Amino acid sequence: MKREGPFATQGKQAPPLQKVFLGEWDLKMIRIDGATGEGGGQMLRTALSLALVTGQAFCIENIRAKRQKAGLLRQHLTAVLAAAEIGGAKVEGAALGSKTLTFAPGKIRAGEYRFAVGTAGSGTLVFQTVLPALMTANAPSKLVIEGGTHNMQAPPFDFLAKTFLPVLEKMGPKVVVKLERYGFYPAGGGRFTAEIEPCQKLAPIELAERGEITQRRGVAVVANLARKIAEREIETMQHLLGWERGCFEIVSTSESPGPGNVVMIELKNGALTEVCTAFGRIGTSAEAVASEAAGEARAYLASEAVAGEHLTDQLLLSMALAGGGSFTATKMTMHAQTNMEVIGKFSPIRFAVEKEERSVRVRIN
């Protein structure tokens, strides 16, 4: 059942697996307790990604145990079904609210797929779940994903397009994404496409020094809302950051099923473009939303790190698949630490984390 994967030539022994039964199958299966560590949906998504890439089956219990509403929500279920379709997997427990899931992958199938979350649940997280398998598949793929594109609990589409995917391309694959329609909470209904040109194996990269900030940009997006909201956000960001007015832009769109507002601050440096984000929501002023994004941007600027909090999670999985590399991060969250633990269940890869004066250095041991 286990295929040759990115961890096959590391010269180390993979973690021991527990033997269990799935229907008529007699499998060696990885066991994951979803209540450990951060206890959220990232544990499931990382397990799905690595199961597809390595060919190892897993069973996760207590899914999202530390969230207000435990179990599979629509976006998590969509990620499971998407992974199952791409990987020809056998699955038990794929239902809304399920707290236990068993997933046994088959052969990866590149091709054209459409996945719809059906709610405002994050389509970007569904995409990130299946991307590791497709970016090392034996043929190109094209995806159409519908759902939330700009959600408070997930990196927005712009983070994918401007931060994560350009870094990933340095490792080998070419991934082009296009936003066709915004999807904000609670209406959802967003849509984007992705074209994936895979590579045979990811190449390790070093992201230790970010260099000087070469470009600063602040964007306030309003969908089916008054432009005045974005104007107030721009004024607040300009005041807090001290940048010239030409660094800021307002995007007003009706290409969204419902109303929405997001503020994004882009900081381009020698290594990558970091995107700091804050979302408008009921009961929160435009000034408060802009202040959140500006605060995140100032914290990034005050550090010496290359990767912000959200990129750190994505780099952990990508670098593990590459079998090497290092980067500096603004901080090491419980979310990231839990992600490391899940990665360690599927691979012999281990991470070394070293605290520095104004950053944290992460490298593959």
Protein backbone atom coordinates (compact mmCIF):
# COMPACT_ATOMS: atom_id res chain seq x y z
CA MET A 1 0.00 0.00 0.00
CA LYS A 2 2.77 2.44 0.85
CA ARG A 3 4.19 4.15 -2.24
CA GLU A 4 7.65 5.56 -2.78
CA GLY A 5 7.35 9.20 -1.68
CA PRO A 6 9.40 12.23 -0.75
CA PHE A 7 10.54 10.66 2.51
CA ALA A 8 11.70 7.38 1.03
CA THR A 9 15.37 8.33 0.63
CA GLN A 10 15.96 10.25 3.82
CA GLY A 11 18.00 7.46 5.41
CA LYS A 12 15.83 7.33 8.53
CA GLN A 13 13.09 5.04 9.75
CA ALA A 14 9.53 6.31 9.56
CA PRO A 15 7.47 6.33 12.79
CA PRO A 16 5.92 3.01 13.83
CA LEU A 17 2.35 2.47 12.65
CA GLN A 18 -0.49 0.78 14.50
CA LYS A 19 -2.24 -2.10 12.77
CA VAL A 20 -6.03 -1.71 12.49
CA PHE A 21 -8.85 -2.99 10.31
CA LEU A 22 -10.91 -0.98 7.81
CA GLY A 23 -13.70 -3.09 6.41
CA GLU A 24 -12.03 -5.95 4.56
CA TRP A 25 -8.64 -4.25 4.61
CA ASP A 26 -5.79 -5.17 6.87
CA LEU A 27 -3.72 -1.99 7.06
CA LYS A 28 -0.98 -0.35 9.02
CA MET A 29 -2.59 2.90 9.97
CA ILE A 30 -1.37 6.10 11.62
CA ARG A 31 -3.42 7.16 14.63
CA ILE A 32 -4.03 10.86 15.35
CA ASP A 33 -5.78 12.38 18.36
CA GLY A 34 -7.39 15.60 17.17
CA ALA A 35 -7.71 16.85 20.75
CA THR A 36 -3.96 17.21 21.23
CA GLY A 37 -2.04 20.44 20.77
CA GLU A 38 -3.91 23.15 18.91
CA GLY A 39 -6.86 20.83 18.30
CA GLY A 40 -8.21 22.42 15.11
CA GLY A 41 -8.86 21.61 11.48
CA GLN A 42 -5.24 22.03 10.37
CA MET A 43 -4.43 18.62 11.88
CA LEU A 44 -6.93 16.98 9.54
CA ARG A 45 -5.81 18.93 6.47
CA THR A 46 -2.12 18.17 7.05
CA ALA A 47 -2.92 14.48 7.57
CA LEU A 48 -4.92 14.37 4.34
CA SER A 49 -2.12 16.07 2.38
CA LEU A 50 0.55 13.71 3.71
CA ALA A 51 -1.60 10.63 3.32
CA LEU A 52 -2.00 11.42 -0.38
CA VAL A 53 1.71 12.10 -0.90
CA THR A 54 3.06 9.16 1.11
CA GLY A 55 0.32 6.59 0.50
CA GLN A 56 -0.09 6.01 4.26
CA ALA A 57 -3.54 5.49 5.74
CA PHE A 58 -4.61 7.25 8.94
CA CYS A 59 -7.41 7.45 11.45
CA ILE A 60 -8.09 10.71 13.28
CA GLU A 61 -10.35 10.88 16.33
CA ASN A 62 -11.71 13.89 18.24
CA ILE A 63 -11.67 16.03 15.11
CA ARG A 64 -11.54 19.76 15.95
CA ALA A 65 -12.09 18.91 19.60
CA LYS A 66 -10.92 22.32 20.82
CA ARG A 67 -13.24 24.33 18.59
CA GLN A 68 -16.61 25.70 19.69
CA LYS A 69 -18.34 23.36 17.25
CA ALA A 70 -16.31 20.14 17.07
CA GLY A 71 -16.34 17.70 14.18
CA LEU A 72 -16.35 18.18 10.42
CA LEU A 73 -17.83 21.40 9.10
CA ARG A 74 -18.64 21.87 5.43
CA GLN A 75 -15.18 23.09 4.43
CA HIS A 76 -13.48 20.18 6.23
CA LEU A 77 -15.80 17.66 4.64
CA THR A 78 -15.14 19.21 1.22
CA ALA A 79 -11.40 18.86 1.83
CA VAL A 80 -11.87 15.19 2.73
CA LEU A 81 -13.99 14.48 -0.34
CA ALA A 82 -11.58 16.39 -2.59
CA ALA A 83 -8.61 14.43 -1.24
CA ALA A 84 -10.53 11.18 -1.65
CA GLU A 85 -11.40 11.96 -5.28
CA ILE A 86 -7.86 12.98 -6.23
CA GLY A 87 -6.31 10.07 -4.35
CA GLY A 88 -8.84 7.34 -5.10
CA ALA A 89 -9.19 6.86 -1.35
CA LYS A 90 -11.43 4.69 0.77
CA VAL A 91 -12.98 6.74 3.57
CA GLU A 92 -15.10 6.11 6.64
CA GLY A 93 -16.68 8.91 8.67
CA ALA A 94 -16.99 11.49 5.86
CA ALA A 95 -20.13 13.24 7.12
CA LEU A 96 -20.97 16.63 8.60
CA GLY A 97 -20.31 16.66 12.33
CA SER A 98 -18.24 13.49 12.25
CA LYS A 99 -15.54 13.43 14.93
CA THR A 100 -13.72 10.36 13.61
CA LEU A 101 -12.37 9.77 10.12
CA THR A 102 -10.47 6.91 8.52
CA PHE A 103 -8.70 7.64 5.23
CA ALA A 104 -6.83 5.11 3.08
CA PRO A 105 -5.42 6.65 -0.14
CA GLY A 106 -4.90 4.96 -3.47
CA LYS A 107 -3.18 6.34 -6.58
CA ILE A 108 -2.97 10.09 -7.22
CA ARG A 109 -4.91 11.13 -10.32
CA ALA A 110 -3.98 14.41 -11.96
CA GLY A 111 -6.66 16.09 -14.08
CA GLU A 112 -9.45 18.66 -14.01
CA TYR A 113 -11.55 18.97 -10.86
CA ARG A 114 -14.25 21.20 -9.43
CA PHE A 115 -14.81 21.39 -5.69
CA ALA A 116 -17.60 23.46 -4.11
CA VAL A 117 -17.73 24.08 -0.37
CA GLY A 118 -21.39 25.10 -0.55
CA THR A 119 -21.04 27.66 2.26
CA ALA A 120 -18.68 30.50 3.16
CA GLY A 121 -16.22 27.87 4.38
CA SER A 122 -12.73 28.45 3.07
CA GLY A 123 -12.04 27.30 -0.47
CA THR A 124 -8.39 28.30 -0.05
CA LEU A 125 -7.94 25.69 2.69
CA VAL A 126 -9.49 23.01 0.47
CA PHE A 127 -7.02 24.00 -2.23
CA GLN A 128 -4.05 23.83 0.15
CA THR A 129 -5.13 20.34 1.23
CA VAL A 130 -4.88 18.79 -2.24
CA LEU A 131 -2.05 20.94 -3.62
CA PRO A 132 0.88 18.88 -2.20
CA ALA A 133 -0.27 15.77 -4.05
CA LEU A 134 -1.00 17.54 -7.34
CA MET A 135 2.22 19.57 -7.41
CA THR A 136 4.26 16.34 -7.46
CA ALA A 137 1.84 14.31 -9.65
CA ASN A 138 2.76 12.83 -13.03
CA ALA A 139 0.71 15.33 -15.09
CA PRO A 140 -0.72 18.87 -14.89
CA SER A 141 -4.02 19.61 -13.17
CA LYS A 142 -6.63 22.34 -13.25
CA LEU A 143 -8.93 23.11 -10.34
CA VAL A 144 -12.08 25.20 -9.98
CA ILE A 145 -12.89 25.89 -6.34
CA GLU A 146 -16.03 27.60 -5.03
CA GLY A 147 -16.68 28.82 -1.51
CA GLY A 148 -15.10 31.41 0.74
CA THR A 149 -12.13 33.23 -0.74
CA HIS A 150 -11.67 35.79 2.04
CA ASN A 151 -12.45 34.34 5.49
CA MET A 152 -11.38 35.37 8.98
CA GLN A 153 -10.28 31.85 9.89
CA ALA A 154 -8.10 31.24 6.82
CA PRO A 155 -5.44 32.92 4.69
CA PRO A 156 -7.20 34.92 1.95
CA PHE A 157 -6.81 34.27 -1.76
CA ASP A 158 -4.29 37.14 -1.99
CA PHE A 159 -2.00 35.36 0.47
CA LEU A 160 -1.95 32.33 -1.83
CA ALA A 161 -1.30 34.36 -4.96
CA LYS A 162 1.27 36.82 -3.60
CA THR A 163 2.97 35.09 -0.66
CA PHE A 164 2.77 31.31 -0.61
CA LEU A 165 2.73 30.27 -4.28
CA PRO A 166 5.70 32.46 -5.36
CA VAL A 167 7.76 30.81 -2.61
CA LEU A 168 6.52 27.38 -3.66
CA GLU A 169 7.57 28.03 -7.27
CA LYS A 170 11.16 28.42 -6.06
CA MET A 171 10.89 24.78 -4.97
CA GLY A 172 9.90 23.51 -8.42
CA PRO A 173 6.17 23.45 -9.29
CA LYS A 174 4.40 26.22 -11.17
CA VAL A 175 0.98 27.16 -9.82
CA VAL A 176 -1.13 29.93 -11.35
CA VAL A 177 -4.30 31.02 -9.56
CA LYS A 178 -6.99 33.43 -10.72
CA LEU A 179 -9.74 35.02 -8.63
CA GLU A 180 -13.03 35.06 -10.53
CA ARG A 181 -15.41 36.12 -7.76
CA TYR A 182 -14.98 37.23 -4.15
CA GLY A 183 -16.60 35.09 -1.45
CA PHE A 184 -17.01 36.65 2.01
CA TYR A 185 -18.68 35.33 5.17
CA PRO A 186 -21.59 34.61 5.51
CA ALA A 187 -22.71 34.46 1.85
CA GLY A 188 -19.68 32.67 0.43
CA GLY A 189 -20.07 31.90 -3.26
CA GLY A 190 -16.56 32.93 -4.28
CA ARG A 191 -14.71 31.23 -7.08
CA PHE A 192 -11.10 30.84 -8.18
CA THR A 193 -9.15 28.62 -10.53
CA ALA A 194 -5.73 27.01 -10.24
CA GLU A 195 -3.47 25.55 -12.91
CA ILE A 196 -0.74 23.28 -11.56
CA GLU A 197 2.40 22.27 -13.44
CA PRO A 198 4.00 19.62 -11.18
CA CYS A 199 7.64 18.80 -10.60
CA GLN A 200 9.21 15.41 -9.90
CA LYS A 201 10.50 16.44 -6.46
CA LEU A 202 10.49 19.64 -4.43
CA ALA A 203 13.85 21.36 -4.03
CA PRO A 204 14.88 22.61 -0.56
CA ILE A 205 15.22 26.39 -0.17
CA GLU A 206 16.79 28.66 2.40
CA LEU A 207 14.83 31.70 3.59
CA ALA A 208 17.05 33.00 6.36
CA GLU A 209 17.35 36.68 5.42
CA ARG A 210 14.50 38.81 4.11
CA GLY A 211 16.52 41.86 3.05
CA GLU A 212 15.21 45.40 2.74
CA ILE A 213 11.55 46.22 2.25
CA THR A 214 11.32 47.30 -1.39
CA GLN A 215 7.60 47.89 -1.76
CA ARG A 216 4.76 48.81 0.59
CA ARG A 217 1.10 48.60 -0.38
CA GLY A 218 -2.18 48.80 1.51
CA VAL A 219 -5.47 47.66 -0.05
CA ALA A 220 -8.99 48.06 1.30
CA VAL A 221 -11.58 45.91 -0.46
CA VAL A 222 -15.31 46.57 -0.13
CA ALA A 223 -17.81 44.25 -1.80
CA ASN A 224 -21.40 45.49 -2.04
CA LEU A 225 -20.65 48.05 0.69
CA ALA A 226 -20.16 51.82 0.79
CA ARG A 227 -16.82 53.07 -0.53
CA LYS A 228 -16.61 55.35 2.52
CA ILE A 229 -15.71 52.32 4.66
CA ALA A 230 -12.58 51.70 2.59
CA GLU A 231 -11.72 55.42 2.62
CA ARG A 232 -11.76 55.43 6.44
CA GLU A 233 -9.57 52.32 6.50
CA ILE A 234 -7.05 53.88 4.13
CA GLU A 235 -6.92 57.06 6.22
CA THR A 236 -6.29 55.00 9.37
CA MET A 237 -3.54 52.91 7.78
CA GLN A 238 -1.87 56.00 6.35
CA HIS A 239 -1.88 57.63 9.78
CA LEU A 240 -0.57 54.57 11.66
CA LEU A 241 2.07 53.53 9.14
CA GLY A 242 3.19 56.95 7.97
CA TRP A 243 3.24 55.96 4.29
CA GLU A 244 2.46 58.21 1.35
CA ARG A 245 -1.08 58.18 -0.04
CA GLY A 246 0.18 56.61 -3.25
CA CYS A 247 0.94 53.39 -1.33
CA PHE A 248 -2.77 52.73 -0.78
CA GLU A 249 -5.57 51.52 -3.02
CA ILE A 250 -9.32 51.01 -2.75
CA VAL A 251 -11.00 48.10 -4.54
CA SER A 252 -14.77 48.39 -4.76
CA THR A 253 -16.51 45.40 -6.30
CA SER A 254 -19.98 43.98 -6.84
CA GLU A 255 -18.48 40.65 -7.99
CA SER A 256 -19.52 38.92 -4.76
CA PRO A 257 -22.76 37.18 -3.76
CA GLY A 258 -22.82 39.10 -0.49
CA PRO A 259 -21.23 42.05 1.31
CA GLY A 260 -17.69 41.92 2.63
CA ASN A 261 -14.66 43.94 3.62
CA VAL A 262 -10.99 43.06 3.95
CA VAL A 263 -7.85 45.14 4.53
CA MET A 264 -4.53 43.77 3.26
CA ILE A 265 -1.05 45.21 3.71
CA GLU A 266 1.65 43.89 1.36
CA LEU A 267 5.32 44.12 2.31
CA LYS A 268 7.65 43.08 -0.47
CA ASN A 269 11.25 42.26 0.45
CA GLY A 270 14.18 40.38 -1.03
CA ALA A 271 12.79 36.98 -0.05
CA LEU A 272 9.03 37.25 -0.59
CA THR A 273 5.91 39.39 -0.21
CA GLU A 274 4.25 39.19 3.20
CA VAL A 275 0.49 39.89 3.33
CA CYS A 276 -1.03 41.11 6.62
CA THR A 277 -4.81 40.90 6.79
CA ALA A 278 -7.82 42.06 8.82
CA PHE A 279 -11.51 41.52 8.07
CA GLY A 280 -14.50 43.77 8.52
CA ARG A 281 -17.31 42.36 10.63
CA ILE A 282 -20.48 43.54 12.32
CA GLY A 283 -19.80 45.64 15.41
CA THR A 284 -16.21 46.51 14.47
CA SER A 285 -15.39 49.95 13.09
CA ALA A 286 -13.44 50.54 9.90
CA GLU A 287 -10.73 52.19 11.98
CA ALA A 288 -10.41 49.13 14.23
CA VAL A 289 -10.12 46.79 11.22
CA ALA A 290 -7.40 48.93 9.65
CA SER A 291 -5.59 49.13 13.00
CA GLU A 292 -5.49 45.32 13.23
CA ALA A 293 -3.82 45.00 9.84
CA ALA A 294 -1.41 47.86 10.59
CA GLY A 295 -0.49 46.29 13.93
CA GLU A 296 0.36 42.99 12.24
CA ALA A 297 2.42 44.80 9.62
CA ARG A 298 4.35 46.78 12.23
CA ALA A 299 5.09 43.60 14.19
CA TYR A 300 6.45 41.97 11.03
CA LEU A 301 8.58 45.03 10.24
CA ALA A 302 9.94 45.09 13.80
CA SER A 303 11.11 41.49 13.51
CA GLU A 304 13.92 40.19 11.33
CA ALA A 305 11.91 37.20 10.14
CA VAL A 306 11.10 36.19 6.57
CA ALA A 307 7.85 34.33 7.30
CA GLY A 308 4.82 35.60 9.17
CA GLU A 309 2.53 33.41 11.23
CA HIS A 310 0.42 32.01 8.38
CA LEU A 311 3.27 31.35 5.97
CA THR A 312 5.12 29.45 8.71
CA ASP A 313 2.45 26.73 8.72
CA GLN A 314 2.63 26.32 4.94
CA LEU A 315 6.42 26.25 4.82
CA LEU A 316 6.61 23.48 7.43
CA LEU A 317 4.76 21.03 5.20
CA SER A 318 6.44 22.12 1.97
CA MET A 319 9.95 21.92 3.42
CA ALA A 320 9.23 18.55 4.96
CA LEU A 321 8.22 17.27 1.53
CA ALA A 322 11.43 18.74 0.08
CA GLY A 323 13.45 16.99 2.78
CA GLY A 324 15.44 20.07 3.76
CA GLY A 325 15.66 23.84 4.02
CA SER A 326 15.27 26.52 6.65
CA PHE A 327 13.53 29.82 7.27
CA THR A 328 13.08 32.48 9.93
CA ALA A 329 9.63 33.11 11.42
CA THR A 330 8.10 35.91 13.47
CA LYS A 331 7.02 33.39 16.13
CA MET A 332 6.30 29.73 16.72
CA THR A 333 2.62 29.32 17.57
CA MET A 334 0.83 26.32 19.06
CA HIS A 335 -0.76 25.94 15.62
CA ALA A 336 2.68 25.51 14.03
CA GLN A 337 3.93 23.21 16.76
CA THR A 338 0.92 20.94 16.33
CA ASN A 339 1.50 20.92 12.57
CA MET A 340 5.06 19.71 13.20
CA GLU A 341 3.75 16.88 15.35
CA VAL A 342 1.34 15.69 12.65
CA ILE A 343 4.08 15.86 10.00
CA GLY A 344 6.27 13.74 12.27
CA LYS A 345 3.66 10.97 12.30
CA PHE A 346 3.97 10.52 8.54
CA SER A 347 7.67 11.08 8.02
CA PRO A 348 11.14 10.76 9.54
CA ILE A 349 11.55 14.53 9.16
CA ARG A 350 12.26 16.45 12.37
CA PHE A 351 12.39 20.20 12.85
CA ALA A 352 14.90 22.21 14.87
CA VAL A 353 13.63 25.51 16.29
CA GLU A 354 16.09 28.10 17.59
CA LYS A 355 15.10 31.39 19.23
CA GLU A 356 16.95 34.41 17.93
CA GLU A 357 16.86 38.03 19.03
CA ARG A 358 14.01 39.15 16.78
CA SER A 359 12.89 35.96 15.08
CA VAL A 360 12.72 32.18 15.33
CA ARG A 361 14.84 30.02 13.03
CA VAL A 362 13.28 26.78 11.80
CA ARG A 363 15.25 24.15 9.90
CA ILE A 364 14.99 20.51 8.90
CA ASN A 365 17.17 18.37 11.15
